[in-house]
Amino acid sequence: MTSGLAGLSPGWRVFLEPAPWEAGWLWLMVPIVVAVCVVFKTIRTPALKAVPRAAGFLIVQVLVFMALAAAGLWLLVELVV
């Protein structure tokens, strides 16, 4: 007989069994980036008239650099592993 929590087996072991990857989850990054960039530029830009252009530029910049970082990490994994 086991005592306490020692006898319980976890339903999902995070590092041993990664969460299933679905293609739809990647697209959830876009609305988060848009929301963060619009809020950031609204706070930082002195004139509200300039916010849409500045936020649009920042959104494109963040998404491009995230894609480049993902491609670089994928290439690193493919070359090393």
C-alpha atoms as a PDB file:
ATOM      1  CA  MET A   1       0.000   0.000   0.000  1.00  0.00           C
ATOM      2  CA  THR A   2       1.317   3.427  -0.909  1.00  0.00           C
ATOM      3  CA  SER A   3       1.093   6.431   1.306  1.00  0.00           C
ATOM      4  CA  GLY A   4       0.282   9.986   0.315  1.00  0.00           C
ATOM      5  CA  LEU A   5       0.793  11.148  -3.231  1.00  0.00           C
ATOM      6  CA  ALA A   6       3.511   8.615  -4.061  1.00  0.00           C
ATOM      7  CA  GLY A   7       1.033   6.179  -5.584  1.00  0.00           C
ATOM      8  CA  LEU A   8      -0.571   8.654  -7.936  1.00  0.00           C
ATOM      9  CA  SER A   9       0.601   8.654 -11.529  1.00  0.00           C
ATOM     10  CA  PRO A  10       0.460  11.946 -13.399  1.00  0.00           C
ATOM     11  CA  GLY A  11      -1.964  12.151 -16.288  1.00  0.00           C
ATOM     12  CA  TRP A  12       0.410  14.179 -18.439  1.00  0.00           C
ATOM     13  CA  ARG A  13       4.157  14.384 -17.934  1.00  0.00           C
ATOM     14  CA  VAL A  14       5.118  17.715 -19.445  1.00  0.00           C
ATOM     15  CA  PHE A  15       8.744  17.118 -20.400  1.00  0.00           C
ATOM     16  CA  LEU A  16       8.420  13.420 -21.192  1.00  0.00           C
ATOM     17  CA  GLU A  17       5.261  13.641 -23.303  1.00  0.00           C
ATOM     18  CA  PRO A  18       5.029  17.007 -25.117  1.00  0.00           C
ATOM     19  CA  ALA A  19       1.629  18.440 -25.939  1.00  0.00           C
ATOM     20  CA  PRO A  20       0.296  17.474 -29.357  1.00  0.00           C
ATOM     21  CA  TRP A  21       1.113  20.056 -32.009  1.00  0.00           C
ATOM     22  CA  GLU A  22      -1.706  21.271 -34.176  1.00  0.00           C
ATOM     23  CA  ALA A  23      -1.236  23.635 -37.115  1.00  0.00           C
ATOM     24  CA  GLY A  24      -3.996  25.964 -35.917  1.00  0.00           C
ATOM     25  CA  TRP A  25      -2.140  27.012 -32.773  1.00  0.00           C
ATOM     26  CA  LEU A  26       0.515  28.833 -34.772  1.00  0.00           C
ATOM     27  CA  TRP A  27      -2.038  31.284 -36.175  1.00  0.00           C
ATOM     28  CA  LEU A  28      -2.982  32.412 -32.658  1.00  0.00           C
ATOM     29  CA  MET A  29       0.350  34.244 -32.549  1.00  0.00           C
ATOM     30  CA  VAL A  30      -0.867  36.851 -35.059  1.00  0.00           C
ATOM     31  CA  PRO A  31      -3.725  38.386 -32.985  1.00  0.00           C
ATOM     32  CA  ILE A  32      -1.515  38.482 -29.900  1.00  0.00           C
ATOM     33  CA  VAL A  33       1.245  40.293 -31.802  1.00  0.00           C
ATOM     34  CA  VAL A  34      -1.289  42.729 -33.297  1.00  0.00           C
ATOM     35  CA  ALA A  35      -2.824  43.506 -29.901  1.00  0.00           C
ATOM     36  CA  VAL A  36       0.522  44.013 -28.171  1.00  0.00           C
ATOM     37  CA  CYS A  37       1.909  46.183 -30.969  1.00  0.00           C
ATOM     38  CA  VAL A  38      -1.189  48.397 -31.168  1.00  0.00           C
ATOM     39  CA  VAL A  39      -1.257  48.932 -27.407  1.00  0.00           C
ATOM     40  CA  PHE A  40       2.492  49.604 -27.288  1.00  0.00           C
ATOM     41  CA  LYS A  41       2.388  52.122 -30.126  1.00  0.00           C
ATOM     42  CA  THR A  42      -0.729  53.793 -28.711  1.00  0.00           C
ATOM     43  CA  ILE A  43       1.125  54.402 -25.461  1.00  0.00           C
ATOM     44  CA  ARG A  44       4.436  55.467 -27.055  1.00  0.00           C
ATOM     45  CA  THR A  45       3.283  57.595 -30.007  1.00  0.00           C
ATOM     46  CA  PRO A  46       2.585  61.251 -29.136  1.00  0.00           C
ATOM     47  CA  ALA A  47       0.075  61.813 -31.970  1.00  0.00           C
ATOM     48  CA  LEU A  48      -2.770  59.337 -32.361  1.00  0.00           C
ATOM     49  CA  LYS A  49      -2.865  59.995 -36.092  1.00  0.00           C
ATOM     50  CA  ALA A  50       0.495  58.220 -36.501  1.00  0.00           C
ATOM     51  CA  VAL A  51      -0.490  55.095 -34.525  1.00  0.00           C
ATOM     52  CA  PRO A  52      -1.867  52.906 -37.367  1.00  0.00           C
ATOM     53  CA  ARG A  53       1.222  53.293 -39.551  1.00  0.00           C
ATOM     54  CA  ALA A  54       3.655  52.858 -36.663  1.00  0.00           C
ATOM     55  CA  ALA A  55       1.747  49.856 -35.319  1.00  0.00           C
ATOM     56  CA  GLY A  56       1.538  48.280 -38.773  1.00  0.00           C
ATOM     57  CA  PHE A  57       5.283  48.641 -39.257  1.00  0.00           C
ATOM     58  CA  LEU A  58       5.957  47.140 -35.836  1.00  0.00           C
ATOM     59  CA  ILE A  59       3.551  44.236 -36.461  1.00  0.00           C
ATOM     60  CA  VAL A  60       5.306  43.331 -39.721  1.00  0.00           C
ATOM     61  CA  GLN A  61       8.696  43.714 -38.087  1.00  0.00           C
ATOM     62  CA  VAL A  62       7.835  41.436 -35.145  1.00  0.00           C
ATOM     63  CA  LEU A  63       6.262  38.747 -37.339  1.00  0.00           C
ATOM     64  CA  VAL A  64       9.187  38.752 -39.791  1.00  0.00           C
ATOM     65  CA  PHE A  65      11.789  38.486 -37.047  1.00  0.00           C
ATOM     66  CA  MET A  66       9.828  35.732 -35.286  1.00  0.00           C
ATOM     67  CA  ALA A  67       9.684  33.798 -38.568  1.00  0.00           C
ATOM     68  CA  LEU A  68      13.425  34.311 -39.084  1.00  0.00           C
ATOM     69  CA  ALA A  69      14.142  33.153 -35.531  1.00  0.00           C
ATOM     70  CA  ALA A  70      11.966  30.054 -36.040  1.00  0.00           C
ATOM     71  CA  ALA A  71      13.710  29.271 -39.336  1.00  0.00           C
ATOM     72  CA  GLY A  72      17.120  29.762 -37.734  1.00  0.00           C
ATOM     73  CA  LEU A  73      16.276  27.483 -34.809  1.00  0.00           C
ATOM     74  CA  TRP A  74      14.848  24.864 -37.186  1.00  0.00           C
ATOM     75  CA  LEU A  75      18.045  25.006 -39.261  1.00  0.00           C
ATOM     76  CA  LEU A  76      20.174  24.729 -36.128  1.00  0.00           C
ATOM     77  CA  VAL A  77      18.249  21.650 -34.989  1.00  0.00           C
ATOM     78  CA  GLU A  78      18.488  20.064 -38.433  1.00  0.00           C
ATOM     79  CA  LEU A  79      22.233  20.635 -38.667  1.00  0.00           C
ATOM     80  CA  VAL A  80      23.129  19.680 -35.104  1.00  0.00           C
ATOM     81  CA  VAL A  81      20.757  16.812 -34.425  1.00  0.00           C
END
